[in-house]
Amino acid sequence: MSHPDRVASFDIGSNTVLMLIAERDPGGAWRRIDEHAEITRIAAGLDSTGTLAPEPVERTARALERFDAIATRHGVSRVLATGTAPFRRARNGAQVARALSLRLGSPIHVASGEEEAQLSLLASRASFGHLDPVWIVDIGGASTEVIWCHGARSDVLSIDVGSVRLAERTLPGDGPPDAHQRAALDAAIGTALARLDVPADRRGHPLIGIAGTVTTIAAIDLDMATWDADRAHGHQLQLDRIEAIDERLMAMSRQQRETVPGVDPRRADVIHAGARLLAAICRHLHAPAVTVSDRGVRWGRLFRELP
């Protein structure tokens, strides 16, 4: 049975596929019915080859088929599917998006970097509209969107680094990174952030963080063995805690990171790079803390298409 006010929204990123099923409540607001996430790492190897490889594409296709079956059981009336950075970066991105659309049975819309940031902005403002002016950062696997928002004005910059891309470039191997690898990681982050000019009057304002790196660090901070979106959403991550978590993860091997409460084992090979990037962004923006948002592109697409 189809529910006319029940919709599924999929976000297909470099590292993770996210599914939201939401329904309008009697007051017209959207509320979460179900959510799932699966790490498929569609962008594995993209940095070196320039293309999306068959094996990670197939992993992603199977995840989408599983999520579509869940959405069907929930009786959704519409599926909104959004592809992000890997489809923009890969030479075969458009071809893969078409193939995955056929497997899913619904079209996949490939968002531009600026559009992706605007969708994240929509989702953030719905939850944290009282924060103004505000910075918003969306750390993905292959890219990071940074948004400055003040009233109706927003400035967007898409930086071509993310947790997976940084790890693949600078942190080979499964052991704790050595001094040379740490220096390479810091240099890559510094080069990327040099593009982000922060005038004095934009420093020190609130910062909202979106996506898997931020929510994973929040889960670690909350010692959250079982994911609880309601606990994470709105959590305040202090910069000193992010730095402490970063140092803790950097001192570990991949196998040790897999055992940390809050870390999905499939994210253990990149979360230390993501944590270091988040800490660097906070320092660059002079932000003492990050407000954690569990709502990103999948929520923004819902708000945009079905306000």
C-alpha atoms as a PDB file:
ATOM      1  CA  MET A   1       0.000   0.000   0.000  1.00  0.00           C
ATOM      2  CA  SER A   2       1.377   3.381  -1.019  1.00  0.00           C
ATOM      3  CA  HIS A   3       1.347   6.288   1.430  1.00  0.00           C
ATOM      4  CA  PRO A   4       1.002   9.589  -0.473  1.00  0.00           C
ATOM      5  CA  ASP A   5       2.893  11.559   2.202  1.00  0.00           C
ATOM      6  CA  ARG A   6       5.755   9.072   2.650  1.00  0.00           C
ATOM      7  CA  VAL A   7       8.960   9.625   0.661  1.00  0.00           C
ATOM      8  CA  ALA A   8      12.412   8.012   0.439  1.00  0.00           C
ATOM      9  CA  SER A   9      15.499  10.149  -0.108  1.00  0.00           C
ATOM     10  CA  PHE A  10      18.871   8.570  -0.979  1.00  0.00           C
ATOM     11  CA  ASP A  11      22.265  10.290  -0.776  1.00  0.00           C
ATOM     12  CA  ILE A  12      24.997   8.473  -2.738  1.00  0.00           C
ATOM     13  CA  GLY A  13      28.380   9.788  -1.664  1.00  0.00           C
ATOM     14  CA  SER A  14      31.997   8.793  -2.130  1.00  0.00           C
ATOM     15  CA  ASN A  15      32.048   6.631   0.978  1.00  0.00           C
ATOM     16  CA  THR A  16      28.482   5.995   2.096  1.00  0.00           C
ATOM     17  CA  VAL A  17      24.962   5.504   0.770  1.00  0.00           C
ATOM     18  CA  LEU A  18      22.333   7.005   3.065  1.00  0.00           C
ATOM     19  CA  MET A  19      18.607   6.344   3.005  1.00  0.00           C
ATOM     20  CA  LEU A  20      15.909   8.395   4.691  1.00  0.00           C
ATOM     21  CA  ILE A  21      12.234   7.525   4.786  1.00  0.00           C
ATOM     22  CA  ALA A  22      10.135  10.427   6.011  1.00  0.00           C
ATOM     23  CA  GLU A  23       6.467  11.231   6.356  1.00  0.00           C
ATOM     24  CA  ARG A  24       4.543  14.446   6.869  1.00  0.00           C
ATOM     25  CA  ASP A  25       2.993  14.786  10.291  1.00  0.00           C
ATOM     26  CA  PRO A  26      -0.470  16.336  10.792  1.00  0.00           C
ATOM     27  CA  GLY A  27       1.146  19.770  11.073  1.00  0.00           C
ATOM     28  CA  GLY A  28       2.841  19.418   7.675  1.00  0.00           C
ATOM     29  CA  ALA A  29       6.380  18.907   8.988  1.00  0.00           C
ATOM     30  CA  TRP A  30       8.551  16.015   7.822  1.00  0.00           C
ATOM     31  CA  ARG A  31       9.426  13.386  10.425  1.00  0.00           C
ATOM     32  CA  ARG A  32      11.823  10.445  10.208  1.00  0.00           C
ATOM     33  CA  ILE A  33      10.227   7.002   9.767  1.00  0.00           C
ATOM     34  CA  ASP A  34      13.367   4.998   9.070  1.00  0.00           C
ATOM     35  CA  GLU A  35      17.019   5.548   8.187  1.00  0.00           C
ATOM     36  CA  HIS A  36      19.836   3.312   7.033  1.00  0.00           C
ATOM     37  CA  ALA A  37      23.468   3.811   6.001  1.00  0.00           C
ATOM     38  CA  GLU A  38      25.833   1.485   4.182  1.00  0.00           C
ATOM     39  CA  ILE A  39      29.499   2.118   3.446  1.00  0.00           C
ATOM     40  CA  THR A  40      30.114   1.078  -0.160  1.00  0.00           C
ATOM     41  CA  ARG A  41      33.020   3.402  -1.010  1.00  0.00           C
ATOM     42  CA  ILE A  42      32.056   3.917  -4.622  1.00  0.00           C
ATOM     43  CA  ALA A  43      35.022   6.268  -5.040  1.00  0.00           C
ATOM     44  CA  ALA A  44      37.649   3.659  -4.090  1.00  0.00           C
ATOM     45  CA  GLY A  45      40.617   4.156  -6.410  1.00  0.00           C
ATOM     46  CA  LEU A  46      39.056   7.170  -8.150  1.00  0.00           C
ATOM     47  CA  ASP A  47      41.904   9.484  -7.189  1.00  0.00           C
ATOM     48  CA  SER A  48      44.449   7.352  -9.049  1.00  0.00           C
ATOM     49  CA  THR A  49      42.385   6.152 -12.031  1.00  0.00           C
ATOM     50  CA  GLY A  50      39.903   8.963 -12.666  1.00  0.00           C
ATOM     51  CA  THR A  51      37.047   6.456 -13.011  1.00  0.00           C
ATOM     52  CA  LEU A  52      34.565   4.600 -10.821  1.00  0.00           C
ATOM     53  CA  ALA A  53      35.591   0.939 -10.764  1.00  0.00           C
ATOM     54  CA  PRO A  54      33.178  -1.977 -11.384  1.00  0.00           C
ATOM     55  CA  GLU A  55      33.474  -3.596  -7.941  1.00  0.00           C
ATOM     56  CA  PRO A  56      32.610  -0.529  -5.799  1.00  0.00           C
ATOM     57  CA  VAL A  57      29.893   0.420  -8.300  1.00  0.00           C
ATOM     58  CA  GLU A  58      28.388  -3.053  -7.898  1.00  0.00           C
ATOM     59  CA  ARG A  59      28.541  -2.742  -4.078  1.00  0.00           C
ATOM     60  CA  THR A  60      26.681   0.543  -4.380  1.00  0.00           C
ATOM     61  CA  ALA A  61      24.107  -0.930  -6.760  1.00  0.00           C
ATOM     62  CA  ARG A  62      23.349  -3.772  -4.343  1.00  0.00           C
ATOM     63  CA  ALA A  63      22.971  -1.323  -1.461  1.00  0.00           C
ATOM     64  CA  LEU A  64      20.565   0.799  -3.492  1.00  0.00           C
ATOM     65  CA  GLU A  65      18.511  -2.287  -4.383  1.00  0.00           C
ATOM     66  CA  ARG A  66      18.315  -3.255  -0.703  1.00  0.00           C
ATOM     67  CA  PHE A  67      17.297   0.243   0.287  1.00  0.00           C
ATOM     68  CA  ASP A  68      14.710   0.389  -2.485  1.00  0.00           C
ATOM     69  CA  ALA A  69      13.189  -2.858  -1.171  1.00  0.00           C
ATOM     70  CA  ILE A  70      12.958  -1.294   2.293  1.00  0.00           C
ATOM     71  CA  ALA A  71      11.344   1.807   0.816  1.00  0.00           C
ATOM     72  CA  THR A  72       8.814  -0.370  -1.017  1.00  0.00           C
ATOM     73  CA  ARG A  73       7.914  -2.168   2.202  1.00  0.00           C
ATOM     74  CA  HIS A  74       7.306   1.223   3.794  1.00  0.00           C
ATOM     75  CA  GLY A  75       4.956   2.114   0.950  1.00  0.00           C
ATOM     76  CA  VAL A  76       6.717   5.284  -0.201  1.00  0.00           C
ATOM     77  CA  SER A  77       5.089   7.257  -2.966  1.00  0.00           C
ATOM     78  CA  ARG A  78       8.307   8.741  -4.342  1.00  0.00           C
ATOM     79  CA  VAL A  79      12.064   8.159  -4.316  1.00  0.00           C
ATOM     80  CA  LEU A  80      14.512  11.072  -4.473  1.00  0.00           C
ATOM     81  CA  ALA A  81      18.072   9.939  -5.241  1.00  0.00           C
ATOM     82  CA  THR A  82      21.042  12.306  -5.225  1.00  0.00           C
ATOM     83  CA  GLY A  83      24.586  11.597  -6.372  1.00  0.00           C
ATOM     84  CA  THR A  84      27.407  13.837  -5.192  1.00  0.00           C
ATOM     85  CA  ALA A  85      31.177  14.250  -5.600  1.00  0.00           C
ATOM     86  CA  PRO A  86      32.186  10.853  -7.085  1.00  0.00           C
ATOM     87  CA  PHE A  87      29.817  11.293 -10.022  1.00  0.00           C
ATOM     88  CA  ARG A  88      31.119  14.808 -10.638  1.00  0.00           C
ATOM     89  CA  ARG A  89      34.780  13.800 -10.473  1.00  0.00           C
ATOM     90  CA  ALA A  90      34.797  10.548 -12.427  1.00  0.00           C
ATOM     91  CA  ARG A  91      35.151  10.479 -16.209  1.00  0.00           C
ATOM     92  CA  ASN A  92      32.458   7.780 -16.252  1.00  0.00           C
ATOM     93  CA  GLY A  93      30.334   9.448 -13.568  1.00  0.00           C
ATOM     94  CA  ALA A  94      27.364  10.216 -15.815  1.00  0.00           C
ATOM     95  CA  GLN A  95      27.433   6.683 -17.280  1.00  0.00           C
ATOM     96  CA  VAL A  96      27.521   5.103 -13.801  1.00  0.00           C
ATOM     97  CA  ALA A  97      24.692   7.347 -12.596  1.00  0.00           C
ATOM     98  CA  ARG A  98      22.530   6.157 -15.509  1.00  0.00           C
ATOM     99  CA  ALA A  99      23.357   2.502 -14.823  1.00  0.00           C
ATOM    100  CA  LEU A 100      22.588   2.857 -11.119  1.00  0.00           C
ATOM    101  CA  SER A 101      19.340   4.637 -11.940  1.00  0.00           C
ATOM    102  CA  LEU A 102      18.235   1.565 -13.893  1.00  0.00           C
ATOM    103  CA  ARG A 103      19.154  -0.732 -10.990  1.00  0.00           C
ATOM    104  CA  LEU A 104      17.343   1.517  -8.521  1.00  0.00           C
ATOM    105  CA  GLY A 105      14.315   2.088 -10.727  1.00  0.00           C
ATOM    106  CA  SER A 106      14.412   5.845 -10.046  1.00  0.00           C
ATOM    107  CA  PRO A 107      16.519   8.606 -11.603  1.00  0.00           C
ATOM    108  CA  ILE A 108      19.678   9.678  -9.788  1.00  0.00           C
ATOM    109  CA  HIS A 109      20.171  13.421  -9.849  1.00  0.00           C
ATOM    110  CA  VAL A 110      23.862  14.376  -9.841  1.00  0.00           C
ATOM    111  CA  ALA A 111      24.235  17.576  -7.814  1.00  0.00           C
ATOM    112  CA  SER A 112      26.901  20.154  -8.542  1.00  0.00           C
ATOM    113  CA  GLY A 113      29.242  21.124  -5.710  1.00  0.00           C
ATOM    114  CA  GLU A 114      27.360  24.360  -5.103  1.00  0.00           C
ATOM    115  CA  GLU A 115      23.989  22.589  -5.261  1.00  0.00           C
ATOM    116  CA  GLU A 116      25.195  19.953  -2.783  1.00  0.00           C
ATOM    117  CA  ALA A 117      26.172  22.731  -0.403  1.00  0.00           C
ATOM    118  CA  GLN A 118      22.805  24.438  -0.816  1.00  0.00           C
ATOM    119  CA  LEU A 119      21.008  21.191   0.014  1.00  0.00           C
ATOM    120  CA  SER A 120      23.109  20.871   3.173  1.00  0.00           C
ATOM    121  CA  LEU A 121      22.274  24.489   3.959  1.00  0.00           C
ATOM    122  CA  LEU A 122      18.537  23.808   3.632  1.00  0.00           C
ATOM    123  CA  ALA A 123      18.788  20.865   6.013  1.00  0.00           C
ATOM    124  CA  SER A 124      20.874  22.775   8.540  1.00  0.00           C
ATOM    125  CA  ARG A 125      18.679  25.859   8.581  1.00  0.00           C
ATOM    126  CA  ALA A 126      15.621  23.712   9.225  1.00  0.00           C
ATOM    127  CA  SER A 127      17.186  22.444  12.467  1.00  0.00           C
ATOM    128  CA  PHE A 128      19.437  25.311  13.533  1.00  0.00           C
ATOM    129  CA  GLY A 129      17.872  28.415  12.039  1.00  0.00           C
ATOM    130  CA  HIS A 130      18.601  30.331  15.236  1.00  0.00           C
ATOM    131  CA  LEU A 131      22.324  30.202  14.452  1.00  0.00           C
ATOM    132  CA  ASP A 132      23.014  33.254  12.300  1.00  0.00           C
ATOM    133  CA  PRO A 133      25.552  34.080  11.033  1.00  0.00           C
ATOM    134  CA  VAL A 134      26.886  30.539  10.821  1.00  0.00           C
ATOM    135  CA  TRP A 135      29.435  28.363   9.075  1.00  0.00           C
ATOM    136  CA  ILE A 136      28.377  24.953   7.766  1.00  0.00           C
ATOM    137  CA  VAL A 137      30.859  22.243   6.813  1.00  0.00           C
ATOM    138  CA  ASP A 138      29.975  18.999   5.026  1.00  0.00           C
ATOM    139  CA  ILE A 139      32.961  16.620   5.027  1.00  0.00           C
ATOM    140  CA  GLY A 140      32.504  13.885   2.451  1.00  0.00           C
ATOM    141  CA  GLY A 141      34.769  11.148   1.209  1.00  0.00           C
ATOM    142  CA  ALA A 142      36.105  13.033  -1.811  1.00  0.00           C
ATOM    143  CA  SER A 143      35.151  16.667  -1.241  1.00  0.00           C
ATOM    144  CA  THR A 144      34.254  19.097   1.520  1.00  0.00           C
ATOM    145  CA  GLU A 145      31.672  21.841   1.156  1.00  0.00           C
ATOM    146  CA  VAL A 146      32.123  24.938   3.320  1.00  0.00           C
ATOM    147  CA  ILE A 147      29.296  27.472   3.524  1.00  0.00           C
ATOM    148  CA  TRP A 148      29.126  30.915   5.104  1.00  0.00           C
ATOM    149  CA  CYS A 149      25.520  31.913   5.801  1.00  0.00           C
ATOM    150  CA  HIS A 150      24.335  35.305   7.057  1.00  0.00           C
ATOM    151  CA  GLY A 151      20.614  35.957   6.732  1.00  0.00           C
ATOM    152  CA  ALA A 152      19.552  35.337   3.134  1.00  0.00           C
ATOM    153  CA  ARG A 153      23.152  35.464   1.895  1.00  0.00           C
ATOM    154  CA  SER A 154      25.315  32.384   1.513  1.00  0.00           C
ATOM    155  CA  ASP A 155      28.799  31.871   0.074  1.00  0.00           C
ATOM    156  CA  VAL A 156      29.821  28.357  -0.932  1.00  0.00           C
ATOM    157  CA  LEU A 157      33.215  26.806  -1.509  1.00  0.00           C
ATOM    158  CA  SER A 158      33.735  23.180  -2.495  1.00  0.00           C
ATOM    159  CA  ILE A 159      37.196  21.936  -1.482  1.00  0.00           C
ATOM    160  CA  ASP A 160      38.556  18.955  -3.372  1.00  0.00           C
ATOM    161  CA  VAL A 161      39.553  16.904  -0.307  1.00  0.00           C
ATOM    162  CA  GLY A 162      37.621  14.555   1.962  1.00  0.00           C
ATOM    163  CA  SER A 163      38.339  11.750   4.406  1.00  0.00           C
ATOM    164  CA  VAL A 164      38.776   8.984   1.808  1.00  0.00           C
ATOM    165  CA  ARG A 165      40.778  11.089  -0.614  1.00  0.00           C
ATOM    166  CA  LEU A 166      43.134  12.321   2.110  1.00  0.00           C
ATOM    167  CA  ALA A 167      43.660   8.822   3.502  1.00  0.00           C
ATOM    168  CA  GLU A 168      44.334   7.308   0.088  1.00  0.00           C
ATOM    169  CA  ARG A 169      46.836  10.054  -0.768  1.00  0.00           C
ATOM    170  CA  THR A 170      48.773  10.357   2.470  1.00  0.00           C
ATOM    171  CA  LEU A 171      48.103   7.440   4.860  1.00  0.00           C
ATOM    172  CA  PRO A 172      48.991   4.138   3.171  1.00  0.00           C
ATOM    173  CA  GLY A 173      49.121   1.018   5.278  1.00  0.00           C
ATOM    174  CA  ASP A 174      47.175  -0.146   8.293  1.00  0.00           C
ATOM    175  CA  GLY A 175      49.551   0.884  11.082  1.00  0.00           C
ATOM    176  CA  PRO A 176      49.565   4.154  13.018  1.00  0.00           C
ATOM    177  CA  PRO A 177      50.731   6.968  10.716  1.00  0.00           C
ATOM    178  CA  ASP A 178      54.373   7.906  11.143  1.00  0.00           C
ATOM    179  CA  ALA A 179      55.715  11.460  11.328  1.00  0.00           C
ATOM    180  CA  HIS A 180      56.260  11.641   7.553  1.00  0.00           C
ATOM    181  CA  GLN A 181      52.685  10.538   6.819  1.00  0.00           C
ATOM    182  CA  ARG A 182      51.260  12.973   9.356  1.00  0.00           C
ATOM    183  CA  ALA A 183      53.242  15.788   7.773  1.00  0.00           C
ATOM    184  CA  ALA A 184      51.957  14.832   4.309  1.00  0.00           C
ATOM    185  CA  LEU A 185      48.378  14.777   5.607  1.00  0.00           C
ATOM    186  CA  ASP A 186      48.760  18.166   7.296  1.00  0.00           C
ATOM    187  CA  ALA A 187      50.300  19.620   4.144  1.00  0.00           C
ATOM    188  CA  ALA A 188      47.422  18.354   1.971  1.00  0.00           C
ATOM    189  CA  ILE A 189      44.869  19.817   4.390  1.00  0.00           C
ATOM    190  CA  GLY A 190      46.760  23.102   4.589  1.00  0.00           C
ATOM    191  CA  THR A 191      46.915  23.420   0.803  1.00  0.00           C
ATOM    192  CA  ALA A 192      43.164  22.817   0.527  1.00  0.00           C
ATOM    193  CA  LEU A 193      42.242  25.257   3.293  1.00  0.00           C
ATOM    194  CA  ALA A 194      44.488  27.963   1.826  1.00  0.00           C
ATOM    195  CA  ARG A 195      41.708  28.441  -0.737  1.00  0.00           C
ATOM    196  CA  LEU A 196      39.277  29.357   2.041  1.00  0.00           C
ATOM    197  CA  ASP A 197      39.638  33.039   2.895  1.00  0.00           C
ATOM    198  CA  VAL A 198      38.194  33.921   6.314  1.00  0.00           C
ATOM    199  CA  PRO A 199      37.872  37.687   6.862  1.00  0.00           C
ATOM    200  CA  ALA A 200      38.164  38.895  10.446  1.00  0.00           C
ATOM    201  CA  ASP A 201      34.431  39.561  10.750  1.00  0.00           C
ATOM    202  CA  ARG A 202      33.643  35.913   9.875  1.00  0.00           C
ATOM    203  CA  ARG A 203      35.926  34.374  12.482  1.00  0.00           C
ATOM    204  CA  GLY A 204      34.651  32.725  15.637  1.00  0.00           C
ATOM    205  CA  HIS A 205      31.030  32.289  14.539  1.00  0.00           C
ATOM    206  CA  PRO A 206      29.051  29.068  15.177  1.00  0.00           C
ATOM    207  CA  LEU A 207      29.941  26.067  13.022  1.00  0.00           C
ATOM    208  CA  ILE A 208      27.552  23.251  12.038  1.00  0.00           C
ATOM    209  CA  GLY A 209      29.083  19.962  10.913  1.00  0.00           C
ATOM    210  CA  ILE A 210      27.346  17.463   8.623  1.00  0.00           C
ATOM    211  CA  ALA A 211      27.992  13.921   7.334  1.00  0.00           C
ATOM    212  CA  GLY A 212      29.748  10.748   8.419  1.00  0.00           C
ATOM    213  CA  THR A 213      33.066  12.109   9.658  1.00  0.00           C
ATOM    214  CA  VAL A 214      31.358  14.559  11.996  1.00  0.00           C
ATOM    215  CA  THR A 215      28.709  12.134  13.229  1.00  0.00           C
ATOM    216  CA  THR A 216      31.338   9.430  13.810  1.00  0.00           C
ATOM    217  CA  ILE A 217      33.462  11.784  15.914  1.00  0.00           C
ATOM    218  CA  ALA A 218      30.307  12.724  17.826  1.00  0.00           C
ATOM    219  CA  ALA A 219      29.588   9.032  18.426  1.00  0.00           C
ATOM    220  CA  ILE A 220      33.130   8.563  19.753  1.00  0.00           C
ATOM    221  CA  ASP A 221      32.763  11.610  21.986  1.00  0.00           C
ATOM    222  CA  LEU A 222      29.460  10.249  23.327  1.00  0.00           C
ATOM    223  CA  ASP A 223      30.902   6.709  23.683  1.00  0.00           C
ATOM    224  CA  MET A 224      27.959   5.593  21.550  1.00  0.00           C
ATOM    225  CA  ALA A 225      28.307   1.864  20.822  1.00  0.00           C
ATOM    226  CA  THR A 226      24.858   1.856  19.165  1.00  0.00           C
ATOM    227  CA  TRP A 227      24.003   4.747  16.861  1.00  0.00           C
ATOM    228  CA  ASP A 228      21.338   7.120  18.187  1.00  0.00           C
ATOM    229  CA  ALA A 229      20.598   9.954  15.765  1.00  0.00           C
ATOM    230  CA  ASP A 230      18.593  11.904  18.330  1.00  0.00           C
ATOM    231  CA  ARG A 231      21.538  11.962  20.762  1.00  0.00           C
ATOM    232  CA  ALA A 232      24.023  12.993  18.088  1.00  0.00           C
ATOM    233  CA  HIS A 233      21.903  15.658  16.391  1.00  0.00           C
ATOM    234  CA  GLY A 234      22.652  18.956  18.101  1.00  0.00           C
ATOM    235  CA  HIS A 235      25.588  17.599  20.141  1.00  0.00           C
ATOM    236  CA  GLN A 236      28.328  20.170  20.786  1.00  0.00           C
ATOM    237  CA  LEU A 237      31.769  18.906  19.804  1.00  0.00           C
ATOM    238  CA  GLN A 238      34.375  21.116  21.458  1.00  0.00           C
ATOM    239  CA  LEU A 239      37.582  21.697  19.499  1.00  0.00           C
ATOM    240  CA  ASP A 240      39.761  20.323  22.274  1.00  0.00           C
ATOM    241  CA  ARG A 241      37.722  17.095  22.220  1.00  0.00           C
ATOM    242  CA  ILE A 242      38.059  16.816  18.426  1.00  0.00           C
ATOM    243  CA  GLU A 243      41.820  17.271  18.757  1.00  0.00           C
ATOM    244  CA  ALA A 244      42.006  14.677  21.525  1.00  0.00           C
ATOM    245  CA  ILE A 245      40.000  12.178  19.469  1.00  0.00           C
ATOM    246  CA  ASP A 246      42.206  12.929  16.455  1.00  0.00           C
ATOM    247  CA  GLU A 247      45.374  12.191  18.442  1.00  0.00           C
ATOM    248  CA  ARG A 248      43.821   9.036  19.885  1.00  0.00           C
ATOM    249  CA  LEU A 249      42.894   7.729  16.425  1.00  0.00           C
ATOM    250  CA  MET A 250      46.269   8.696  14.933  1.00  0.00           C
ATOM    251  CA  ALA A 251      48.063   6.614  17.565  1.00  0.00           C
ATOM    252  CA  MET A 252      46.093   3.496  16.600  1.00  0.00           C
ATOM    253  CA  SER A 253      46.347   0.902  13.877  1.00  0.00           C
ATOM    254  CA  ARG A 254      43.375   0.304  11.620  1.00  0.00           C
ATOM    255  CA  GLN A 255      42.510  -2.827  13.604  1.00  0.00           C
ATOM    256  CA  GLN A 256      42.489  -0.844  16.839  1.00  0.00           C
ATOM    257  CA  ARG A 257      40.319   1.911  15.351  1.00  0.00           C
ATOM    258  CA  GLU A 258      37.793  -0.736  14.322  1.00  0.00           C
ATOM    259  CA  THR A 259      37.157  -1.484  18.026  1.00  0.00           C
ATOM    260  CA  VAL A 260      36.511   2.115  19.109  1.00  0.00           C
ATOM    261  CA  PRO A 261      32.860   2.578  20.195  1.00  0.00           C
ATOM    262  CA  GLY A 262      31.147   4.761  17.609  1.00  0.00           C
ATOM    263  CA  VAL A 263      33.399   3.783  14.685  1.00  0.00           C
ATOM    264  CA  ASP A 264      31.926   1.671  11.911  1.00  0.00           C
ATOM    265  CA  PRO A 265      34.771  -0.786  11.120  1.00  0.00           C
ATOM    266  CA  ARG A 266      34.374   0.040   7.429  1.00  0.00           C
ATOM    267  CA  ARG A 267      35.258   3.672   8.209  1.00  0.00           C
ATOM    268  CA  ALA A 268      38.295   2.791  10.338  1.00  0.00           C
ATOM    269  CA  ASP A 269      40.809   3.325   7.525  1.00  0.00           C
ATOM    270  CA  VAL A 270      39.747   6.935   6.910  1.00  0.00           C
ATOM    271  CA  ILE A 271      38.233   8.344  10.119  1.00  0.00           C
ATOM    272  CA  HIS A 272      41.595   9.564  11.462  1.00  0.00           C
ATOM    273  CA  ALA A 273      42.096  11.628   8.295  1.00  0.00           C
ATOM    274  CA  GLY A 274      38.573  13.020   8.630  1.00  0.00           C
ATOM    275  CA  ALA A 275      39.096  13.924  12.287  1.00  0.00           C
ATOM    276  CA  ARG A 276      42.302  15.795  11.462  1.00  0.00           C
ATOM    277  CA  LEU A 277      40.534  17.670   8.657  1.00  0.00           C
ATOM    278  CA  LEU A 278      37.660  18.677  10.960  1.00  0.00           C
ATOM    279  CA  ALA A 279      40.046  19.956  13.639  1.00  0.00           C
ATOM    280  CA  ALA A 280      41.962  21.957  11.018  1.00  0.00           C
ATOM    281  CA  ILE A 281      38.745  23.491   9.678  1.00  0.00           C
ATOM    282  CA  CYS A 282      37.729  24.560  13.197  1.00  0.00           C
ATOM    283  CA  ARG A 283      41.085  26.247  13.750  1.00  0.00           C
ATOM    284  CA  HIS A 284      40.970  27.888  10.306  1.00  0.00           C
ATOM    285  CA  LEU A 285      37.525  29.356  11.036  1.00  0.00           C
ATOM    286  CA  HIS A 286      38.424  30.208  14.654  1.00  0.00           C
ATOM    287  CA  ALA A 287      35.442  28.081  15.720  1.00  0.00           C
ATOM    288  CA  PRO A 288      35.688  26.740  19.284  1.00  0.00           C
ATOM    289  CA  ALA A 289      33.097  23.987  18.705  1.00  0.00           C
ATOM    290  CA  VAL A 290      30.987  22.168  16.113  1.00  0.00           C
ATOM    291  CA  THR A 291      27.231  21.685  16.376  1.00  0.00           C
ATOM    292  CA  VAL A 292      26.596  18.207  15.006  1.00  0.00           C
ATOM    293  CA  SER A 293      23.890  17.770  12.378  1.00  0.00           C
ATOM    294  CA  ASP A 294      22.602  14.326  11.424  1.00  0.00           C
ATOM    295  CA  ARG A 295      20.689  15.885   8.535  1.00  0.00           C
ATOM    296  CA  GLY A 296      22.403  16.527   5.241  1.00  0.00           C
ATOM    297  CA  VAL A 297      21.757  16.233   1.516  1.00  0.00           C
ATOM    298  CA  ARG A 298      18.978  13.630   1.826  1.00  0.00           C
ATOM    299  CA  TRP A 299      16.987  15.969   4.092  1.00  0.00           C
ATOM    300  CA  GLY A 300      17.795  19.031   1.991  1.00  0.00           C
ATOM    301  CA  ARG A 301      16.528  17.346  -1.171  1.00  0.00           C
ATOM    302  CA  LEU A 302      13.298  16.499   0.627  1.00  0.00           C
ATOM    303  CA  PHE A 303      12.839  20.071   1.832  1.00  0.00           C
ATOM    304  CA  ARG A 304      13.608  21.496  -1.613  1.00  0.00           C
ATOM    305  CA  GLU A 305      11.426  19.169  -3.680  1.00  0.00           C
ATOM    306  CA  LEU A 306       8.528  18.856  -1.244  1.00  0.00           C
ATOM    307  CA  PRO A 307       8.490  21.969   0.987  1.00  0.00           C
END
